[in-house]
Amino acid sequence: MVQALTTLEAELGDRDYFGGEAFGFVDVALVPFTAWFHAYEKFGGVVAEEVCPRLVAWAHRCKERNSVALAIADPHKLYDFVLYLKQKFGAK
């Protein structure tokens, strides 16, 4: 997971969005995965802010857009759902 996050951060570079200065298709495709950052930390000890701070800053920029803010999953509800699935299927 860390490798995937650092690869995405390297691709983002110093740009505001993956396409440059404008929010675009790649941003739309990737931003939903940022809702998983909380679960990565709780289950895997991967703290996104430490591993990929520019990617986290990008996620915050994206979430400032009303369209993204209304559509993105709540990270805590997503975490609770994963807990439910773990319990239901007996995952360790």
PDB file of N, CA and C in Angstrom:
ATOM      1  N   MET A   1       0.820  -1.185   0.000  1.00  0.00           N
ATOM      2  CA  MET A   1       0.000   0.000   0.000  1.00  0.00           C
ATOM      3  C   MET A   1       0.870   1.256   0.000  1.00  0.00           C
ATOM      4  N   VAL A   2       1.924   1.227   0.793  1.00  0.00           N
ATOM      5  CA  VAL A   2       2.815   2.386   0.853  1.00  0.00           C
ATOM      6  C   VAL A   2       3.407   2.661  -0.522  1.00  0.00           C
ATOM      7  N   GLN A   3       3.811   1.619  -1.224  1.00  0.00           N
ATOM      8  CA  GLN A   3       4.385   1.799  -2.558  1.00  0.00           C
ATOM      9  C   GLN A   3       3.366   2.417  -3.516  1.00  0.00           C
ATOM     10  N   ALA A   4       2.130   1.965  -3.451  1.00  0.00           N
ATOM     11  CA  ALA A   4       1.094   2.526  -4.323  1.00  0.00           C
ATOM     12  C   ALA A   4       0.867   4.009  -4.014  1.00  0.00           C
ATOM     13  N   LEU A   5       0.808   4.352  -2.744  1.00  0.00           N
ATOM     14  CA  LEU A   5       0.587   5.745  -2.356  1.00  0.00           C
ATOM     15  C   LEU A   5       1.758   6.634  -2.763  1.00  0.00           C
ATOM     16  N   THR A   6       2.979   6.150  -2.557  1.00  0.00           N
ATOM     17  CA  THR A   6       4.144   6.969  -2.930  1.00  0.00           C
ATOM     18  C   THR A   6       4.269   7.088  -4.444  1.00  0.00           C
ATOM     19  N   THR A   7       3.847   6.075  -5.181  1.00  0.00           N
ATOM     20  CA  THR A   7       3.847   6.155  -6.641  1.00  0.00           C
ATOM     21  C   THR A   7       2.855   7.216  -7.108  1.00  0.00           C
ATOM     22  N   LEU A   8       1.671   7.218  -6.518  1.00  0.00           N
ATOM     23  CA  LEU A   8       0.686   8.243  -6.865  1.00  0.00           C
ATOM     24  C   LEU A   8       1.188   9.640  -6.507  1.00  0.00           C
ATOM     25  N   GLU A   9       1.817   9.759  -5.361  1.00  0.00           N
ATOM     26  CA  GLU A   9       2.341  11.062  -4.948  1.00  0.00           C
ATOM     27  C   GLU A   9       3.436  11.533  -5.907  1.00  0.00           C
ATOM     28  N   ALA A  10       4.287  10.630  -6.332  1.00  0.00           N
ATOM     29  CA  ALA A  10       5.342  10.995  -7.276  1.00  0.00           C
ATOM     30  C   ALA A  10       4.739  11.454  -8.605  1.00  0.00           C
ATOM     31  N   GLU A  11       3.687  10.794  -9.038  1.00  0.00           N
ATOM     32  CA  GLU A  11       3.024  11.189 -10.286  1.00  0.00           C
ATOM     33  C   GLU A  11       2.355  12.549 -10.148  1.00  0.00           C
ATOM     34  N   LEU A  12       1.791  12.837  -8.986  1.00  0.00           N
ATOM     35  CA  LEU A  12       1.177  14.138  -8.735  1.00  0.00           C
ATOM     36  C   LEU A  12       2.229  15.237  -8.751  1.00  0.00           C
ATOM     37  N   GLY A  13       3.377  14.939  -8.174  1.00  0.00           N
ATOM     38  CA  GLY A  13       4.460  15.926  -8.138  1.00  0.00           C
ATOM     39  C   GLY A  13       4.054  17.172  -7.372  1.00  0.00           C
ATOM     40  N   ASP A  14       4.429  18.316  -7.898  1.00  0.00           N
ATOM     41  CA  ASP A  14       4.121  19.595  -7.260  1.00  0.00           C
ATOM     42  C   ASP A  14       2.867  20.252  -7.821  1.00  0.00           C
ATOM     43  N   ARG A  15       2.139  19.531  -8.653  1.00  0.00           N
ATOM     44  CA  ARG A  15       0.938  20.097  -9.276  1.00  0.00           C
ATOM     45  C   ARG A  15      -0.227  20.098  -8.279  1.00  0.00           C
ATOM     46  N   ASP A  16      -1.181  20.962  -8.524  1.00  0.00           N
ATOM     47  CA  ASP A  16      -2.376  21.005  -7.689  1.00  0.00           C
ATOM     48  C   ASP A  16      -3.260  19.784  -7.931  1.00  0.00           C
ATOM     49  N   TYR A  17      -3.348  19.361  -9.174  1.00  0.00           N
ATOM     50  CA  TYR A  17      -4.167  18.219  -9.572  1.00  0.00           C
ATOM     51  C   TYR A  17      -3.361  17.353 -10.517  1.00  0.00           C
ATOM     52  N   PHE A  18      -3.805  16.144 -10.743  1.00  0.00           N
ATOM     53  CA  PHE A  18      -3.038  15.232 -11.581  1.00  0.00           C
ATOM     54  C   PHE A  18      -2.892  15.742 -13.006  1.00  0.00           C
ATOM     55  N   GLY A  19      -3.869  16.518 -13.477  1.00  0.00           N
ATOM     56  CA  GLY A  19      -3.786  17.064 -14.823  1.00  0.00           C
ATOM     57  C   GLY A  19      -3.105  18.420 -14.884  1.00  0.00           C
ATOM     58  N   GLY A  20      -2.667  18.930 -13.755  1.00  0.00           N
ATOM     59  CA  GLY A  20      -2.030  20.253 -13.729  1.00  0.00           C
ATOM     60  C   GLY A  20      -2.758  21.173 -12.776  1.00  0.00           C
ATOM     61  N   GLU A  21      -3.219  22.300 -13.311  1.00  0.00           N
ATOM     62  CA  GLU A  21      -3.895  23.293 -12.476  1.00  0.00           C
ATOM     63  C   GLU A  21      -5.397  23.088 -12.394  1.00  0.00           C
ATOM     64  N   ALA A  22      -5.926  22.218 -13.250  1.00  0.00           N
ATOM     65  CA  ALA A  22      -7.374  22.023 -13.297  1.00  0.00           C
ATOM     66  C   ALA A  22      -7.759  20.631 -12.795  1.00  0.00           C
ATOM     67  N   PHE A  23      -8.844  20.558 -12.064  1.00  0.00           N
ATOM     68  CA  PHE A  23      -9.420  19.304 -11.598  1.00  0.00           C
ATOM     69  C   PHE A  23      -9.915  18.539 -12.826  1.00  0.00           C
ATOM     70  N   GLY A  24      -9.493  17.291 -12.949  1.00  0.00           N
ATOM     71  CA  GLY A  24      -9.839  16.551 -14.162  1.00  0.00           C
ATOM     72  C   GLY A  24     -10.223  15.108 -13.925  1.00  0.00           C
ATOM     73  N   PHE A  25     -10.227  14.337 -15.006  1.00  0.00           N
ATOM     74  CA  PHE A  25     -10.696  12.962 -14.999  1.00  0.00           C
ATOM     75  C   PHE A  25      -9.915  12.074 -14.031  1.00  0.00           C
ATOM     76  N   VAL A  26      -8.603  12.181 -14.008  1.00  0.00           N
ATOM     77  CA  VAL A  26      -7.801  11.338 -13.109  1.00  0.00           C
ATOM     78  C   VAL A  26      -8.121  11.664 -11.658  1.00  0.00           C
ATOM     79  N   ASP A  27      -8.318  12.930 -11.367  1.00  0.00           N
ATOM     80  CA  ASP A  27      -8.702  13.332 -10.007  1.00  0.00           C
ATOM     81  C   ASP A  27     -10.052  12.723  -9.629  1.00  0.00           C
ATOM     82  N   VAL A  28     -11.000  12.779 -10.550  1.00  0.00           N
ATOM     83  CA  VAL A  28     -12.327  12.208 -10.307  1.00  0.00           C
ATOM     84  C   VAL A  28     -12.212  10.709 -10.047  1.00  0.00           C
ATOM     85  N   ALA A  29     -11.351  10.042 -10.794  1.00  0.00           N
ATOM     86  CA  ALA A  29     -11.200   8.596 -10.661  1.00  0.00           C
ATOM     87  C   ALA A  29     -10.510   8.193  -9.358  1.00  0.00           C
ATOM     88  N   LEU A  30      -9.573   9.005  -8.887  1.00  0.00           N
ATOM     89  CA  LEU A  30      -8.770   8.627  -7.720  1.00  0.00           C
ATOM     90  C   LEU A  30      -9.280   9.145  -6.382  1.00  0.00           C
ATOM     91  N   VAL A  31      -9.964  10.257  -6.371  1.00  0.00           N
ATOM     92  CA  VAL A  31     -10.332  10.871  -5.092  1.00  0.00           C
ATOM     93  C   VAL A  31     -11.212   9.974  -4.216  1.00  0.00           C
ATOM     94  N   PRO A  32     -12.066   9.107  -4.739  1.00  0.00           N
ATOM     95  CA  PRO A  32     -12.843   8.248  -3.839  1.00  0.00           C
ATOM     96  C   PRO A  32     -11.979   7.334  -2.961  1.00  0.00           C
ATOM     97  N   PHE A  33     -10.802   6.973  -3.437  1.00  0.00           N
ATOM     98  CA  PHE A  33      -9.925   6.104  -2.661  1.00  0.00           C
ATOM     99  C   PHE A  33      -9.369   6.782  -1.416  1.00  0.00           C
ATOM    100  N   THR A  34      -9.417   8.109  -1.368  1.00  0.00           N
ATOM    101  CA  THR A  34      -8.894   8.813  -0.198  1.00  0.00           C
ATOM    102  C   THR A  34      -9.750   8.575   1.038  1.00  0.00           C
ATOM    103  N   ALA A  35     -10.982   8.146   0.834  1.00  0.00           N
ATOM    104  CA  ALA A  35     -11.842   7.817   1.973  1.00  0.00           C
ATOM    105  C   ALA A  35     -11.301   6.615   2.745  1.00  0.00           C
ATOM    106  N   TRP A  36     -10.445   5.839   2.126  1.00  0.00           N
ATOM    107  CA  TRP A  36      -9.858   4.660   2.754  1.00  0.00           C
ATOM    108  C   TRP A  36      -8.651   4.991   3.632  1.00  0.00           C
ATOM    109  N   PHE A  37      -8.130   6.203   3.572  1.00  0.00           N
ATOM    110  CA  PHE A  37      -6.929   6.553   4.338  1.00  0.00           C
ATOM    111  C   PHE A  37      -7.097   6.234   5.826  1.00  0.00           C
ATOM    112  N   HIS A  38      -8.259   6.510   6.371  1.00  0.00           N
ATOM    113  CA  HIS A  38      -8.508   6.242   7.795  1.00  0.00           C
ATOM    114  C   HIS A  38      -8.415   4.741   8.076  1.00  0.00           C
ATOM    115  N   ALA A  39      -8.994   3.928   7.208  1.00  0.00           N
ATOM    116  CA  ALA A  39      -8.946   2.475   7.382  1.00  0.00           C
ATOM    117  C   ALA A  39      -7.519   1.957   7.226  1.00  0.00           C
ATOM    118  N   TYR A  40      -6.757   2.523   6.300  1.00  0.00           N
ATOM    119  CA  TYR A  40      -5.347   2.113   6.133  1.00  0.00           C
ATOM    120  C   TYR A  40      -4.589   2.318   7.441  1.00  0.00           C
ATOM    121  N   GLU A  41      -4.866   3.456   8.088  1.00  0.00           N
ATOM    122  CA  GLU A  41      -4.174   3.762   9.341  1.00  0.00           C
ATOM    123  C   GLU A  41      -4.609   2.805  10.457  1.00  0.00           C
ATOM    124  N   LYS A  42      -5.909   2.582  10.578  1.00  0.00           N
ATOM    125  CA  LYS A  42      -6.416   1.746  11.660  1.00  0.00           C
ATOM    126  C   LYS A  42      -6.035   0.275  11.496  1.00  0.00           C
ATOM    127  N   PHE A  43      -6.104  -0.230  10.280  1.00  0.00           N
ATOM    128  CA  PHE A  43      -5.846  -1.652  10.065  1.00  0.00           C
ATOM    129  C   PHE A  43      -4.393  -1.968   9.753  1.00  0.00           C
ATOM    130  N   GLY A  44      -3.716  -1.051   9.081  1.00  0.00           N
ATOM    131  CA  GLY A  44      -2.364  -1.357   8.634  1.00  0.00           C
ATOM    132  C   GLY A  44      -1.272  -0.478   9.202  1.00  0.00           C
ATOM    133  N   GLY A  45      -1.668   0.521   9.984  1.00  0.00           N
ATOM    134  CA  GLY A  45      -0.671   1.410  10.555  1.00  0.00           C
ATOM    135  C   GLY A  45      -0.044   2.355   9.536  1.00  0.00           C
ATOM    136  N   VAL A  46      -0.667   2.485   8.374  1.00  0.00           N
ATOM    137  CA  VAL A  46      -0.161   3.372   7.326  1.00  0.00           C
ATOM    138  C   VAL A  46      -0.801   4.743   7.516  1.00  0.00           C
ATOM    139  N   VAL A  47      -0.012   5.696   7.961  1.00  0.00           N
ATOM    140  CA  VAL A  47      -0.503   7.057   8.195  1.00  0.00           C
ATOM    141  C   VAL A  47      -0.238   7.862   6.928  1.00  0.00           C
ATOM    142  N   ALA A  48      -1.295   8.132   6.191  1.00  0.00           N
ATOM    143  CA  ALA A  48      -1.162   8.797   4.894  1.00  0.00           C
ATOM    144  C   ALA A  48      -0.440  10.140   5.004  1.00  0.00           C
ATOM    145  N   GLU A  49      -0.718  10.890   6.063  1.00  0.00           N
ATOM    146  CA  GLU A  49      -0.071  12.200   6.227  1.00  0.00           C
ATOM    147  C   GLU A  49       1.443  12.081   6.319  1.00  0.00           C
ATOM    148  N   GLU A  50       1.935  10.954   6.831  1.00  0.00           N
ATOM    149  CA  GLU A  50       3.382  10.748   6.952  1.00  0.00           C
ATOM    150  C   GLU A  50       3.978  10.165   5.676  1.00  0.00           C
ATOM    151  N   VAL A  51       3.247   9.270   5.038  1.00  0.00           N
ATOM    152  CA  VAL A  51       3.753   8.559   3.858  1.00  0.00           C
ATOM    153  C   VAL A  51       3.661   9.410   2.601  1.00  0.00           C
ATOM    154  N   CYS A  52       2.575  10.149   2.464  1.00  0.00           N
ATOM    155  CA  CYS A  52       2.344  10.904   1.221  1.00  0.00           C
ATOM    156  C   CYS A  52       1.630  12.234   1.513  1.00  0.00           C
ATOM    157  N   PRO A  53       2.328  13.172   2.135  1.00  0.00           N
ATOM    158  CA  PRO A  53       1.686  14.433   2.526  1.00  0.00           C
ATOM    159  C   PRO A  53       1.147  15.251   1.354  1.00  0.00           C
ATOM    160  N   ARG A  54       1.816  15.206   0.198  1.00  0.00           N
ATOM    161  CA  ARG A  54       1.310  15.965  -0.967  1.00  0.00           C
ATOM    162  C   ARG A  54       0.018  15.351  -1.488  1.00  0.00           C
ATOM    163  N   LEU A  55      -0.086  14.019  -1.420  1.00  0.00           N
ATOM    164  CA  LEU A  55      -1.307  13.348  -1.847  1.00  0.00           C
ATOM    165  C   LEU A  55      -2.461  13.690  -0.897  1.00  0.00           C
ATOM    166  N   VAL A  56      -2.177  13.767   0.373  1.00  0.00           N
ATOM    167  CA  VAL A  56      -3.200  14.156   1.357  1.00  0.00           C
ATOM    168  C   VAL A  56      -3.627  15.605   1.113  1.00  0.00           C
ATOM    169  N   ALA A  57      -2.681  16.484   0.822  1.00  0.00           N
ATOM    170  CA  ALA A  57      -3.022  17.880   0.517  1.00  0.00           C
ATOM    171  C   ALA A  57      -3.890  17.953  -0.741  1.00  0.00           C
ATOM    172  N   TRP A  58      -3.556  17.137  -1.746  1.00  0.00           N
ATOM    173  CA  TRP A  58      -4.371  17.063  -2.964  1.00  0.00           C
ATOM    174  C   TRP A  58      -5.796  16.621  -2.612  1.00  0.00           C
ATOM    175  N   ALA A  59      -5.923  15.610  -1.751  1.00  0.00           N
ATOM    176  CA  ALA A  59      -7.245  15.116  -1.346  1.00  0.00           C
ATOM    177  C   ALA A  59      -8.049  16.228  -0.682  1.00  0.00           C
ATOM    178  N   HIS A  60      -7.404  17.025   0.152  1.00  0.00           N
ATOM    179  CA  HIS A  60      -8.099  18.140   0.814  1.00  0.00           C
ATOM    180  C   HIS A  60      -8.542  19.181  -0.211  1.00  0.00           C
ATOM    181  N   ARG A  61      -7.675  19.455  -1.201  1.00  0.00           N
ATOM    182  CA  ARG A  61      -8.061  20.401  -2.261  1.00  0.00           C
ATOM    183  C   ARG A  61      -9.281  19.884  -3.017  1.00  0.00           C
ATOM    184  N   CYS A  62      -9.264  18.603  -3.337  1.00  0.00           N
ATOM    185  CA  CYS A  62     -10.389  18.008  -4.066  1.00  0.00           C
ATOM    186  C   CYS A  62     -11.673  18.095  -3.252  1.00  0.00           C
ATOM    187  N   LYS A  63     -11.569  17.841  -1.951  1.00  0.00           N
ATOM    188  CA  LYS A  63     -12.750  17.844  -1.088  1.00  0.00           C
ATOM    189  C   LYS A  63     -13.317  19.243  -0.862  1.00  0.00           C
ATOM    190  N   GLU A  64     -12.561  20.269  -1.239  1.00  0.00           N
ATOM    191  CA  GLU A  64     -13.072  21.634  -1.165  1.00  0.00           C
ATOM    192  C   GLU A  64     -14.108  21.889  -2.256  1.00  0.00           C
ATOM    193  N   ARG A  65     -14.093  21.053  -3.275  1.00  0.00           N
ATOM    194  CA  ARG A  65     -15.085  21.148  -4.352  1.00  0.00           C
ATOM    195  C   ARG A  65     -16.397  20.556  -3.831  1.00  0.00           C
ATOM    196  N   ASN A  66     -17.465  21.275  -3.999  1.00  0.00           N
ATOM    197  CA  ASN A  66     -18.763  20.830  -3.502  1.00  0.00           C
ATOM    198  C   ASN A  66     -19.147  19.474  -4.100  1.00  0.00           C
ATOM    199  N   SER A  67     -18.888  19.288  -5.379  1.00  0.00           N
ATOM    200  CA  SER A  67     -19.257  18.034  -6.041  1.00  0.00           C
ATOM    201  C   SER A  67     -18.546  16.843  -5.405  1.00  0.00           C
ATOM    202  N   VAL A  68     -17.298  17.022  -5.005  1.00  0.00           N
ATOM    203  CA  VAL A  68     -16.543  15.946  -4.362  1.00  0.00           C
ATOM    204  C   VAL A  68     -17.020  15.760  -2.929  1.00  0.00           C
ATOM    205  N   ALA A  69     -17.169  16.847  -2.220  1.00  0.00           N
ATOM    206  CA  ALA A  69     -17.586  16.777  -0.812  1.00  0.00           C
ATOM    207  C   ALA A  69     -18.922  16.050  -0.655  1.00  0.00           C
ATOM    208  N   LEU A  70     -19.819  16.239  -1.600  1.00  0.00           N
ATOM    209  CA  LEU A  70     -21.129  15.598  -1.526  1.00  0.00           C
ATOM    210  C   LEU A  70     -21.086  14.122  -1.928  1.00  0.00           C
ATOM    211  N   ALA A  71     -20.084  13.736  -2.690  1.00  0.00           N
ATOM    212  CA  ALA A  71     -20.046  12.382  -3.241  1.00  0.00           C
ATOM    213  C   ALA A  71     -19.109  11.424  -2.505  1.00  0.00           C
ATOM    214  N   ILE A  72     -18.131  11.945  -1.805  1.00  0.00           N
ATOM    215  CA  ILE A  72     -17.113  11.085  -1.184  1.00  0.00           C
ATOM    216  C   ILE A  72     -17.674  10.405   0.070  1.00  0.00           C
ATOM    217  N   ALA A  73     -17.267   9.176   0.259  1.00  0.00           N
ATOM    218  CA  ALA A  73     -17.726   8.416   1.435  1.00  0.00           C
ATOM    219  C   ALA A  73     -17.103   8.988   2.711  1.00  0.00           C
ATOM    220  N   ASP A  74     -17.841   8.886   3.799  1.00  0.00           N
ATOM    221  CA  ASP A  74     -17.326   9.296   5.098  1.00  0.00           C
ATOM    222  C   ASP A  74     -16.296   8.250   5.553  1.00  0.00           C
ATOM    223  N   PRO A  75     -15.051   8.646   5.812  1.00  0.00           N
ATOM    224  CA  PRO A  75     -14.005   7.689   6.188  1.00  0.00           C
ATOM    225  C   PRO A  75     -14.335   6.859   7.427  1.00  0.00           C
ATOM    226  N   HIS A  76     -15.021   7.444   8.388  1.00  0.00           N
ATOM    227  CA  HIS A  76     -15.359   6.718   9.609  1.00  0.00           C
ATOM    228  C   HIS A  76     -16.462   5.691   9.365  1.00  0.00           C
ATOM    229  N   LYS A  77     -17.423   6.025   8.520  1.00  0.00           N
ATOM    230  CA  LYS A  77     -18.457   5.062   8.158  1.00  0.00           C
ATOM    231  C   LYS A  77     -17.870   3.921   7.337  1.00  0.00           C
ATOM    232  N   LEU A  78     -16.927   4.250   6.477  1.00  0.00           N
ATOM    233  CA  LEU A  78     -16.249   3.222   5.691  1.00  0.00           C
ATOM    234  C   LEU A  78     -15.478   2.273   6.604  1.00  0.00           C
ATOM    235  N   TYR A  79     -14.794   2.823   7.587  1.00  0.00           N
ATOM    236  CA  TYR A  79     -14.074   2.018   8.567  1.00  0.00           C
ATOM    237  C   TYR A  79     -15.039   1.102   9.325  1.00  0.00           C
ATOM    238  N   ASP A  80     -16.168   1.651   9.760  1.00  0.00           N
ATOM    239  CA  ASP A  80     -17.167   0.849  10.463  1.00  0.00           C
ATOM    240  C   ASP A  80     -17.693  -0.279   9.575  1.00  0.00           C
ATOM    241  N   PHE A  81     -17.856  -0.005   8.286  1.00  0.00           N
ATOM    242  CA  PHE A  81     -18.317  -1.021   7.354  1.00  0.00           C
ATOM    243  C   PHE A  81     -17.288  -2.143   7.213  1.00  0.00           C
ATOM    244  N   VAL A  82     -16.018  -1.784   7.158  1.00  0.00           N
ATOM    245  CA  VAL A  82     -14.964  -2.796   7.085  1.00  0.00           C
ATOM    246  C   VAL A  82     -14.967  -3.653   8.355  1.00  0.00           C
ATOM    247  N   LEU A  83     -15.149  -3.023   9.510  1.00  0.00           N
ATOM    248  CA  LEU A  83     -15.258  -3.784  10.763  1.00  0.00           C
ATOM    249  C   LEU A  83     -16.419  -4.773  10.698  1.00  0.00           C
ATOM    250  N   TYR A  84     -17.544  -4.319  10.188  1.00  0.00           N
ATOM    251  CA  TYR A  84     -18.711  -5.186  10.034  1.00  0.00           C
ATOM    252  C   TYR A  84     -18.388  -6.378   9.128  1.00  0.00           C
ATOM    253  N   LEU A  85     -17.743  -6.114   7.994  1.00  0.00           N
ATOM    254  CA  LEU A  85     -17.382  -7.195   7.071  1.00  0.00           C
ATOM    255  C   LEU A  85     -16.401  -8.175   7.703  1.00  0.00           C
ATOM    256  N   LYS A  86     -15.443  -7.641   8.439  1.00  0.00           N
ATOM    257  CA  LYS A  86     -14.482  -8.520   9.126  1.00  0.00           C
ATOM    258  C   LYS A  86     -15.207  -9.441  10.093  1.00  0.00           C
ATOM    259  N   GLN A  87     -16.148  -8.886  10.837  1.00  0.00           N
ATOM    260  CA  GLN A  87     -16.889  -9.680  11.810  1.00  0.00           C
ATOM    261  C   GLN A  87     -17.786 -10.703  11.097  1.00  0.00           C
ATOM    262  N   LYS A  88     -18.444 -10.277  10.075  1.00  0.00           N
ATOM    263  CA  LYS A  88     -19.378 -11.143   9.363  1.00  0.00           C
ATOM    264  C   LYS A  88     -18.665 -12.344   8.728  1.00  0.00           C
ATOM    265  N   PHE A  89     -17.503 -12.096   8.152  1.00  0.00           N
ATOM    266  CA  PHE A  89     -16.788 -13.156   7.450  1.00  0.00           C
ATOM    267  C   PHE A  89     -15.664 -13.781   8.260  1.00  0.00           C
ATOM    268  N   GLY A  90     -15.515 -13.354   9.502  1.00  0.00           N
ATOM    269  CA  GLY A  90     -14.514 -13.933  10.391  1.00  0.00           C
ATOM    270  C   GLY A  90     -13.084 -13.650   9.999  1.00  0.00           C
ATOM    271  N   ALA A  91     -12.853 -12.541   9.332  1.00  0.00           N
ATOM    272  CA  ALA A  91     -11.484 -12.171   8.935  1.00  0.00           C
ATOM    273  C   ALA A  91     -10.689 -11.722  10.150  1.00  0.00           C
ATOM    274  N   LYS A  92      -9.425 -12.016  10.119  1.00  0.00           N
ATOM    275  CA  LYS A  92      -8.544 -11.622  11.225  1.00  0.00           C
ATOM    276  C   LYS A  92      -7.694 -10.455  10.858  1.00  0.00           C
TER     277      LYS A  92
END
